[in-house]
Amino acid sequence: MSDDDYVYDEASGEWVPASQLSAAPTDDVVEVRDSVGNLLADGDQVTLIKDLTVKGAGQTLKRGTLIKSIRLTGDPQEIDCKFDGIKGLVLRAEFVRKR
């Protein structure tokens, strides 16, 4: 790209040359925090802090249940995880605590 191309940067509210914008680092990382404020990452183990009824599965996950190997979804309030007998389980971060 040449310096004649300008792009509007919403963060700063200014028009910047496209060559500068491509060199700038992008911070699209979403921080996901558990019920007590611990930062969660992919692969962490979490424990449920409340009994949760799983819609569509007819099953209740009890408080203290260990969920292994979580994945972050890009939403700061949701985590994706696997549990025996339940496919596509998505939990709210406010109901888990990092182990």
N, C-alpha and C. Protein backbone atom coordinates (compact mmCIF):
# COMPACT_ATOMS: atom_id res chain seq x y z
N MET A 1 0.84 -1.19 0.00
CA MET A 1 0.00 0.00 0.00
C MET A 1 0.88 1.24 0.00
N SER A 2 0.42 2.26 -0.65
CA SER A 2 1.18 3.50 -0.68
C SER A 2 0.71 4.43 0.43
N ASP A 3 1.48 5.50 0.64
CA ASP A 3 1.11 6.47 1.68
C ASP A 3 -0.08 7.32 1.27
N ASP A 4 -0.50 7.21 0.01
CA ASP A 4 -1.65 7.99 -0.45
C ASP A 4 -2.97 7.39 0.03
N ASP A 5 -2.96 6.13 0.47
CA ASP A 5 -4.16 5.48 0.97
C ASP A 5 -4.31 5.79 2.46
N TYR A 6 -5.48 6.30 2.84
CA TYR A 6 -5.74 6.61 4.24
C TYR A 6 -6.93 5.79 4.72
N VAL A 7 -6.87 5.40 5.98
CA VAL A 7 -7.92 4.61 6.61
C VAL A 7 -8.34 5.32 7.89
N TYR A 8 -9.66 5.35 8.17
CA TYR A 8 -10.17 5.97 9.38
C TYR A 8 -9.98 5.02 10.55
N ASP A 9 -9.25 5.45 11.57
CA ASP A 9 -9.00 4.65 12.77
C ASP A 9 -10.04 5.05 13.81
N GLU A 10 -10.95 4.13 14.11
CA GLU A 10 -12.03 4.43 15.06
C GLU A 10 -11.52 4.63 16.48
N ALA A 11 -10.43 3.97 16.83
CA ALA A 11 -9.90 4.09 18.19
C ALA A 11 -9.39 5.50 18.47
N SER A 12 -8.68 6.07 17.51
CA SER A 12 -8.12 7.41 17.72
C SER A 12 -9.01 8.51 17.13
N GLY A 13 -9.88 8.15 16.19
CA GLY A 13 -10.76 9.14 15.56
C GLY A 13 -10.05 9.97 14.51
N GLU A 14 -8.97 9.45 13.96
CA GLU A 14 -8.19 10.19 12.97
C GLU A 14 -8.00 9.35 11.71
N TRP A 15 -7.70 10.04 10.61
CA TRP A 15 -7.34 9.37 9.36
C TRP A 15 -5.84 9.12 9.40
N VAL A 16 -5.43 7.87 9.22
CA VAL A 16 -4.02 7.51 9.26
C VAL A 16 -3.64 6.83 7.95
N PRO A 17 -2.38 6.96 7.54
CA PRO A 17 -1.94 6.25 6.34
C PRO A 17 -2.09 4.74 6.53
N ALA A 18 -2.50 4.04 5.50
CA ALA A 18 -2.73 2.60 5.57
C ALA A 18 -1.46 1.85 5.96
N SER A 19 -0.31 2.37 5.58
CA SER A 19 0.94 1.70 5.93
C SER A 19 1.17 1.72 7.44
N GLN A 20 0.74 2.76 8.13
CA GLN A 20 0.89 2.82 9.60
C GLN A 20 -0.12 1.92 10.28
N LEU A 21 -1.30 1.82 9.73
CA LEU A 21 -2.35 1.01 10.34
C LEU A 21 -1.99 -0.47 10.29
N SER A 22 -1.42 -0.93 9.19
CA SER A 22 -1.06 -2.34 9.10
C SER A 22 0.08 -2.70 10.04
N ALA A 23 0.91 -1.73 10.39
CA ALA A 23 2.02 -1.99 11.30
C ALA A 23 1.59 -1.96 12.77
N ALA A 24 0.44 -1.35 13.04
CA ALA A 24 -0.02 -1.24 14.43
C ALA A 24 -0.55 -2.58 14.91
N PRO A 25 -0.22 -2.97 16.14
CA PRO A 25 -0.74 -4.23 16.67
C PRO A 25 -2.24 -4.11 16.96
N THR A 26 -2.95 -5.21 16.78
CA THR A 26 -4.38 -5.23 17.07
C THR A 26 -4.61 -5.99 18.36
N ASP A 27 -5.41 -5.42 19.23
CA ASP A 27 -5.73 -6.04 20.51
C ASP A 27 -7.18 -6.49 20.49
N ASP A 28 -7.45 -7.63 19.85
CA ASP A 28 -8.79 -8.18 19.79
C ASP A 28 -8.97 -9.31 20.80
N VAL A 29 -8.09 -9.38 21.80
CA VAL A 29 -8.15 -10.42 22.80
C VAL A 29 -9.21 -10.05 23.84
N VAL A 30 -10.12 -10.98 24.08
CA VAL A 30 -11.18 -10.76 25.05
C VAL A 30 -10.78 -11.41 26.36
N GLU A 31 -10.85 -10.66 27.45
CA GLU A 31 -10.56 -11.22 28.77
C GLU A 31 -11.83 -11.85 29.34
N VAL A 32 -11.71 -13.11 29.73
CA VAL A 32 -12.83 -13.82 30.35
C VAL A 32 -12.44 -14.08 31.79
N ARG A 33 -13.28 -13.65 32.71
CA ARG A 33 -12.99 -13.81 34.14
C ARG A 33 -14.07 -14.65 34.79
N ASP A 34 -13.66 -15.46 35.77
CA ASP A 34 -14.61 -16.32 36.47
C ASP A 34 -15.35 -15.53 37.55
N SER A 35 -16.07 -16.22 38.40
CA SER A 35 -16.93 -15.56 39.39
C SER A 35 -16.15 -14.75 40.43
N VAL A 36 -14.90 -15.10 40.67
CA VAL A 36 -14.10 -14.37 41.66
C VAL A 36 -13.06 -13.45 41.03
N GLY A 37 -13.06 -13.36 39.69
CA GLY A 37 -12.19 -12.43 39.01
C GLY A 37 -10.90 -13.00 38.45
N ASN A 38 -10.72 -14.32 38.53
CA ASN A 38 -9.52 -14.94 37.95
C ASN A 38 -9.64 -14.96 36.43
N LEU A 39 -8.54 -14.71 35.75
CA LEU A 39 -8.50 -14.71 34.30
C LEU A 39 -8.50 -16.14 33.79
N LEU A 40 -9.43 -16.46 32.86
CA LEU A 40 -9.52 -17.80 32.29
C LEU A 40 -8.83 -17.85 30.95
N ALA A 41 -8.30 -19.03 30.60
CA ALA A 41 -7.64 -19.25 29.32
C ALA A 41 -8.08 -20.60 28.77
N ASP A 42 -7.82 -20.81 27.48
CA ASP A 42 -8.13 -22.11 26.87
C ASP A 42 -7.40 -23.22 27.60
N GLY A 43 -8.10 -24.33 27.86
CA GLY A 43 -7.49 -25.48 28.51
C GLY A 43 -7.57 -25.49 30.01
N ASP A 44 -8.06 -24.42 30.62
CA ASP A 44 -8.18 -24.37 32.09
C ASP A 44 -9.23 -25.35 32.58
N GLN A 45 -9.13 -25.69 33.86
CA GLN A 45 -10.14 -26.49 34.54
C GLN A 45 -10.94 -25.57 35.44
N VAL A 46 -12.27 -25.74 35.45
CA VAL A 46 -13.13 -24.91 36.28
C VAL A 46 -14.07 -25.80 37.08
N THR A 47 -14.56 -25.24 38.17
CA THR A 47 -15.51 -25.91 39.04
C THR A 47 -16.79 -25.09 39.08
N LEU A 48 -17.94 -25.76 39.03
CA LEU A 48 -19.22 -25.06 39.10
C LEU A 48 -19.46 -24.57 40.53
N ILE A 49 -20.01 -23.37 40.66
CA ILE A 49 -20.29 -22.82 41.99
C ILE A 49 -21.78 -22.85 42.30
N LYS A 50 -22.58 -23.39 41.38
CA LYS A 50 -24.03 -23.41 41.55
C LYS A 50 -24.59 -24.59 40.77
N ASP A 51 -25.69 -25.19 41.26
CA ASP A 51 -26.38 -26.23 40.51
C ASP A 51 -26.99 -25.60 39.26
N LEU A 52 -26.72 -26.22 38.10
CA LEU A 52 -27.21 -25.69 36.84
C LEU A 52 -28.04 -26.74 36.11
N THR A 53 -29.25 -26.38 35.70
CA THR A 53 -30.09 -27.24 34.89
C THR A 53 -29.73 -27.02 33.43
N VAL A 54 -29.41 -28.10 32.73
CA VAL A 54 -28.99 -28.01 31.34
C VAL A 54 -30.22 -28.15 30.45
N LYS A 55 -30.50 -27.10 29.69
CA LYS A 55 -31.66 -27.11 28.80
C LYS A 55 -31.45 -28.13 27.69
N GLY A 56 -32.47 -28.92 27.38
CA GLY A 56 -32.40 -29.88 26.30
C GLY A 56 -31.77 -31.21 26.67
N ALA A 57 -31.10 -31.28 27.78
CA ALA A 57 -30.44 -32.52 28.17
C ALA A 57 -31.20 -33.23 29.29
N GLY A 58 -32.08 -32.50 29.98
CA GLY A 58 -32.82 -33.10 31.08
C GLY A 58 -31.91 -33.53 32.21
N GLN A 59 -30.88 -32.78 32.43
CA GLN A 59 -29.84 -33.15 33.40
C GLN A 59 -29.47 -31.91 34.21
N THR A 60 -29.06 -32.12 35.45
CA THR A 60 -28.60 -31.03 36.30
C THR A 60 -27.15 -31.26 36.65
N LEU A 61 -26.34 -30.24 36.43
CA LEU A 61 -24.94 -30.29 36.84
C LEU A 61 -24.86 -29.75 38.26
N LYS A 62 -24.33 -30.53 39.16
CA LYS A 62 -24.28 -30.17 40.58
C LYS A 62 -23.11 -29.23 40.89
N ARG A 63 -23.28 -28.46 41.94
CA ARG A 63 -22.21 -27.59 42.42
C ARG A 63 -20.98 -28.43 42.76
N GLY A 64 -19.81 -27.96 42.39
CA GLY A 64 -18.57 -28.68 42.65
C GLY A 64 -18.14 -29.58 41.51
N THR A 65 -18.95 -29.67 40.45
CA THR A 65 -18.59 -30.50 39.30
C THR A 65 -17.38 -29.91 38.59
N LEU A 66 -16.40 -30.74 38.28
CA LEU A 66 -15.17 -30.30 37.62
C LEU A 66 -15.37 -30.37 36.11
N ILE A 67 -15.12 -29.28 35.43
CA ILE A 67 -15.17 -29.21 33.97
C ILE A 67 -13.73 -29.04 33.50
N LYS A 68 -13.26 -29.96 32.66
CA LYS A 68 -11.87 -29.94 32.21
C LYS A 68 -11.79 -29.36 30.80
N SER A 69 -10.68 -28.75 30.49
CA SER A 69 -10.33 -28.29 29.15
C SER A 69 -11.39 -27.39 28.53
N ILE A 70 -11.56 -26.20 29.08
CA ILE A 70 -12.52 -25.25 28.53
C ILE A 70 -11.92 -24.55 27.31
N ARG A 71 -12.81 -23.96 26.49
CA ARG A 71 -12.39 -23.16 25.35
C ARG A 71 -13.12 -21.83 25.42
N LEU A 72 -12.41 -20.76 25.12
CA LEU A 72 -13.02 -19.43 25.11
C LEU A 72 -13.73 -19.22 23.78
N THR A 73 -14.86 -18.52 23.81
CA THR A 73 -15.68 -18.34 22.61
C THR A 73 -15.51 -16.97 21.97
N GLY A 74 -14.83 -16.05 22.61
CA GLY A 74 -14.74 -14.69 22.10
C GLY A 74 -15.73 -13.77 22.80
N ASP A 75 -16.69 -14.33 23.50
CA ASP A 75 -17.64 -13.58 24.30
C ASP A 75 -17.12 -13.57 25.74
N PRO A 76 -17.03 -12.40 26.38
CA PRO A 76 -16.46 -12.36 27.73
C PRO A 76 -17.31 -13.04 28.79
N GLN A 77 -18.52 -13.44 28.47
CA GLN A 77 -19.39 -14.07 29.46
C GLN A 77 -19.59 -15.56 29.25
N GLU A 78 -19.12 -16.14 28.13
CA GLU A 78 -19.40 -17.54 27.84
C GLU A 78 -18.13 -18.33 27.61
N ILE A 79 -18.15 -19.60 28.05
CA ILE A 79 -17.07 -20.54 27.78
C ILE A 79 -17.68 -21.81 27.22
N ASP A 80 -16.96 -22.45 26.32
CA ASP A 80 -17.40 -23.68 25.68
C ASP A 80 -16.67 -24.83 26.35
N CYS A 81 -17.37 -25.92 26.62
CA CYS A 81 -16.73 -27.04 27.29
C CYS A 81 -17.40 -28.35 26.93
N LYS A 82 -16.76 -29.44 27.31
CA LYS A 82 -17.29 -30.77 27.10
C LYS A 82 -17.63 -31.38 28.45
N PHE A 83 -18.70 -32.14 28.47
CA PHE A 83 -19.07 -32.89 29.67
C PHE A 83 -19.71 -34.18 29.21
N ASP A 84 -19.52 -35.27 29.94
CA ASP A 84 -20.04 -36.57 29.55
C ASP A 84 -21.54 -36.52 29.30
N GLY A 85 -21.96 -36.92 28.10
CA GLY A 85 -23.37 -37.00 27.78
C GLY A 85 -24.00 -35.70 27.32
N ILE A 86 -23.26 -34.60 27.30
CA ILE A 86 -23.81 -33.32 26.88
C ILE A 86 -22.92 -32.75 25.78
N LYS A 87 -23.49 -32.60 24.59
CA LYS A 87 -22.73 -32.03 23.48
C LYS A 87 -22.97 -30.53 23.41
N GLY A 88 -21.93 -29.77 23.06
CA GLY A 88 -22.08 -28.34 22.84
C GLY A 88 -22.47 -27.57 24.09
N LEU A 89 -21.88 -27.90 25.21
CA LEU A 89 -22.21 -27.24 26.47
C LEU A 89 -21.52 -25.88 26.54
N VAL A 90 -22.30 -24.83 26.73
CA VAL A 90 -21.78 -23.47 26.90
C VAL A 90 -22.20 -22.99 28.27
N LEU A 91 -21.21 -22.58 29.08
CA LEU A 91 -21.48 -22.11 30.44
C LEU A 91 -21.19 -20.63 30.55
N ARG A 92 -21.91 -19.97 31.41
CA ARG A 92 -21.64 -18.56 31.71
C ARG A 92 -20.47 -18.51 32.69
N ALA A 93 -19.58 -17.58 32.48
CA ALA A 93 -18.38 -17.46 33.31
C ALA A 93 -18.71 -17.09 34.75
N GLU A 94 -19.86 -16.50 34.99
CA GLU A 94 -20.23 -16.11 36.35
C GLU A 94 -20.58 -17.30 37.24
N PHE A 95 -20.77 -18.50 36.66
CA PHE A 95 -21.12 -19.68 37.42
C PHE A 95 -19.97 -20.66 37.62
N VAL A 96 -18.76 -20.25 37.24
CA VAL A 96 -17.60 -21.14 37.40
C VAL A 96 -16.48 -20.44 38.17
N ARG A 97 -15.59 -21.27 38.73
CA ARG A 97 -14.42 -20.77 39.43
C ARG A 97 -13.21 -21.56 38.93
N LYS A 98 -12.14 -20.84 38.65
CA LYS A 98 -10.93 -21.50 38.15
C LYS A 98 -10.35 -22.41 39.22
N ARG A 99 -9.88 -23.57 38.80
CA ARG A 99 -9.32 -24.53 39.73
C ARG A 99 -7.83 -24.42 39.79
